[in-house]
Amino acid sequence: MPKLPVISGEEVIKALSKAGFSIRMGKGDHVVLQRKNDYRNVVVPLHKELKPGTLRAIIRQSGLTVDEFVNML
């Protein structure tokens, strides 16, 4: 399993968009993404740097593996 990169919330949104997620709504400094084919919701904070635990939780919620996510970047 590759080491998690240090990335921003904006970069996470771009990567998840490549995986088929679209922005459902945003309020404050968080954005909710949804994938239509399985109705999976993922909440992404718009921080400059996401902590490793937060990034790992986002990846887990998205249903992707770490390898798949890193390849989307």
C-alpha atoms as a PDB file:
ATOM      1  CA  MET A   1       0.000   0.000   0.000  1.00  0.00           C
ATOM      2  CA  PRO A   2       1.513   3.357  -0.995  1.00  0.00           C
ATOM      3  CA  LYS A   3       2.073   6.124   1.483  1.00  0.00           C
ATOM      4  CA  LEU A   4      -0.701   8.717   1.490  1.00  0.00           C
ATOM      5  CA  PRO A   5       0.245  12.007  -0.167  1.00  0.00           C
ATOM      6  CA  VAL A   6      -0.235  15.363   1.557  1.00  0.00           C
ATOM      7  CA  ILE A   7      -2.904  17.051  -0.561  1.00  0.00           C
ATOM      8  CA  SER A   8      -5.596  19.695  -0.257  1.00  0.00           C
ATOM      9  CA  GLY A   9      -9.351  19.252  -0.256  1.00  0.00           C
ATOM     10  CA  GLU A  10      -9.520  20.746  -3.766  1.00  0.00           C
ATOM     11  CA  GLU A  11      -7.151  18.055  -5.072  1.00  0.00           C
ATOM     12  CA  VAL A  12      -9.280  15.341  -3.442  1.00  0.00           C
ATOM     13  CA  ILE A  13     -12.375  16.724  -5.179  1.00  0.00           C
ATOM     14  CA  LYS A  14     -10.593  16.652  -8.559  1.00  0.00           C
ATOM     15  CA  ALA A  15      -9.492  13.039  -8.006  1.00  0.00           C
ATOM     16  CA  LEU A  16     -12.953  11.902  -6.903  1.00  0.00           C
ATOM     17  CA  SER A  17     -14.486  13.663  -9.912  1.00  0.00           C
ATOM     18  CA  LYS A  18     -12.377  11.397 -12.115  1.00  0.00           C
ATOM     19  CA  ALA A  19     -13.868   8.432 -10.235  1.00  0.00           C
ATOM     20  CA  GLY A  20     -17.417   9.477 -11.148  1.00  0.00           C
ATOM     21  CA  PHE A  21     -18.366  11.688  -8.208  1.00  0.00           C
ATOM     22  CA  SER A  22     -20.120  15.009  -8.723  1.00  0.00           C
ATOM     23  CA  ILE A  23     -20.653  17.908  -6.336  1.00  0.00           C
ATOM     24  CA  ARG A  24     -24.025  17.616  -4.671  1.00  0.00           C
ATOM     25  CA  MET A  25     -23.786  20.577  -2.312  1.00  0.00           C
ATOM     26  CA  GLY A  26     -21.339  22.700  -0.410  1.00  0.00           C
ATOM     27  CA  LYS A  27     -21.792  24.598   2.798  1.00  0.00           C
ATOM     28  CA  GLY A  28     -19.065  26.491   4.566  1.00  0.00           C
ATOM     29  CA  ASP A  29     -15.736  24.754   4.189  1.00  0.00           C
ATOM     30  CA  HIS A  30     -17.118  21.288   3.356  1.00  0.00           C
ATOM     31  CA  VAL A  31     -18.327  19.839   0.046  1.00  0.00           C
ATOM     32  CA  VAL A  32     -20.572  16.788  -0.355  1.00  0.00           C
ATOM     33  CA  LEU A  33     -19.847  14.622  -3.392  1.00  0.00           C
ATOM     34  CA  GLN A  34     -22.187  11.927  -4.688  1.00  0.00           C
ATOM     35  CA  ARG A  35     -21.740   9.101  -7.172  1.00  0.00           C
ATOM     36  CA  LYS A  36     -24.928   8.411  -9.125  1.00  0.00           C
ATOM     37  CA  ASN A  37     -24.513   4.706  -9.846  1.00  0.00           C
ATOM     38  CA  ASP A  38     -24.402   3.633  -6.174  1.00  0.00           C
ATOM     39  CA  TYR A  39     -25.599   6.785  -4.353  1.00  0.00           C
ATOM     40  CA  ARG A  40     -22.431   6.928  -2.261  1.00  0.00           C
ATOM     41  CA  ASN A  41     -21.875  10.249  -0.453  1.00  0.00           C
ATOM     42  CA  VAL A  42     -18.466  11.591   0.571  1.00  0.00           C
ATOM     43  CA  VAL A  43     -17.830  14.758   2.587  1.00  0.00           C
ATOM     44  CA  VAL A  44     -14.576  16.599   1.800  1.00  0.00           C
ATOM     45  CA  PRO A  45     -13.305  19.509   3.912  1.00  0.00           C
ATOM     46  CA  LEU A  46     -11.759  22.337   1.898  1.00  0.00           C
ATOM     47  CA  HIS A  47      -8.531  22.583   3.905  1.00  0.00           C
ATOM     48  CA  LYS A  48      -5.087  23.407   2.519  1.00  0.00           C
ATOM     49  CA  GLU A  49      -3.721  20.111   3.851  1.00  0.00           C
ATOM     50  CA  LEU A  50      -5.747  17.101   4.924  1.00  0.00           C
ATOM     51  CA  LYS A  51      -4.482  14.991   7.797  1.00  0.00           C
ATOM     52  CA  PRO A  52      -3.664  11.373   6.897  1.00  0.00           C
ATOM     53  CA  GLY A  53      -6.530   9.976   8.967  1.00  0.00           C
ATOM     54  CA  THR A  54      -9.026  12.325   7.325  1.00  0.00           C
ATOM     55  CA  LEU A  55      -7.772  11.438   3.849  1.00  0.00           C
ATOM     56  CA  ARG A  56      -7.900   7.715   4.616  1.00  0.00           C
ATOM     57  CA  ALA A  57     -11.511   8.077   5.866  1.00  0.00           C
ATOM     58  CA  ILE A  58     -12.486   9.925   2.668  1.00  0.00           C
ATOM     59  CA  ILE A  59     -10.919   7.191   0.543  1.00  0.00           C
ATOM     60  CA  ARG A  60     -12.732   4.511   2.566  1.00  0.00           C
ATOM     61  CA  GLN A  61     -16.069   6.340   2.203  1.00  0.00           C
ATOM     62  CA  SER A  62     -15.567   6.607  -1.552  1.00  0.00           C
ATOM     63  CA  GLY A  63     -15.204   2.837  -1.920  1.00  0.00           C
ATOM     64  CA  LEU A  64     -11.813   3.172  -3.625  1.00  0.00           C
ATOM     65  CA  THR A  65      -8.560   1.567  -2.569  1.00  0.00           C
ATOM     66  CA  VAL A  66      -5.577   3.753  -1.713  1.00  0.00           C
ATOM     67  CA  ASP A  67      -3.856   2.593  -4.916  1.00  0.00           C
ATOM     68  CA  GLU A  68      -6.863   3.533  -7.053  1.00  0.00           C
ATOM     69  CA  PHE A  69      -7.106   6.940  -5.370  1.00  0.00           C
ATOM     70  CA  VAL A  70      -3.393   7.726  -5.785  1.00  0.00           C
ATOM     71  CA  ASN A  71      -3.624   6.779  -9.490  1.00  0.00           C
ATOM     72  CA  MET A  72      -6.459   9.353  -9.908  1.00  0.00           C
ATOM     73  CA  LEU A  73      -4.222  12.203  -8.721  1.00  0.00           C
END
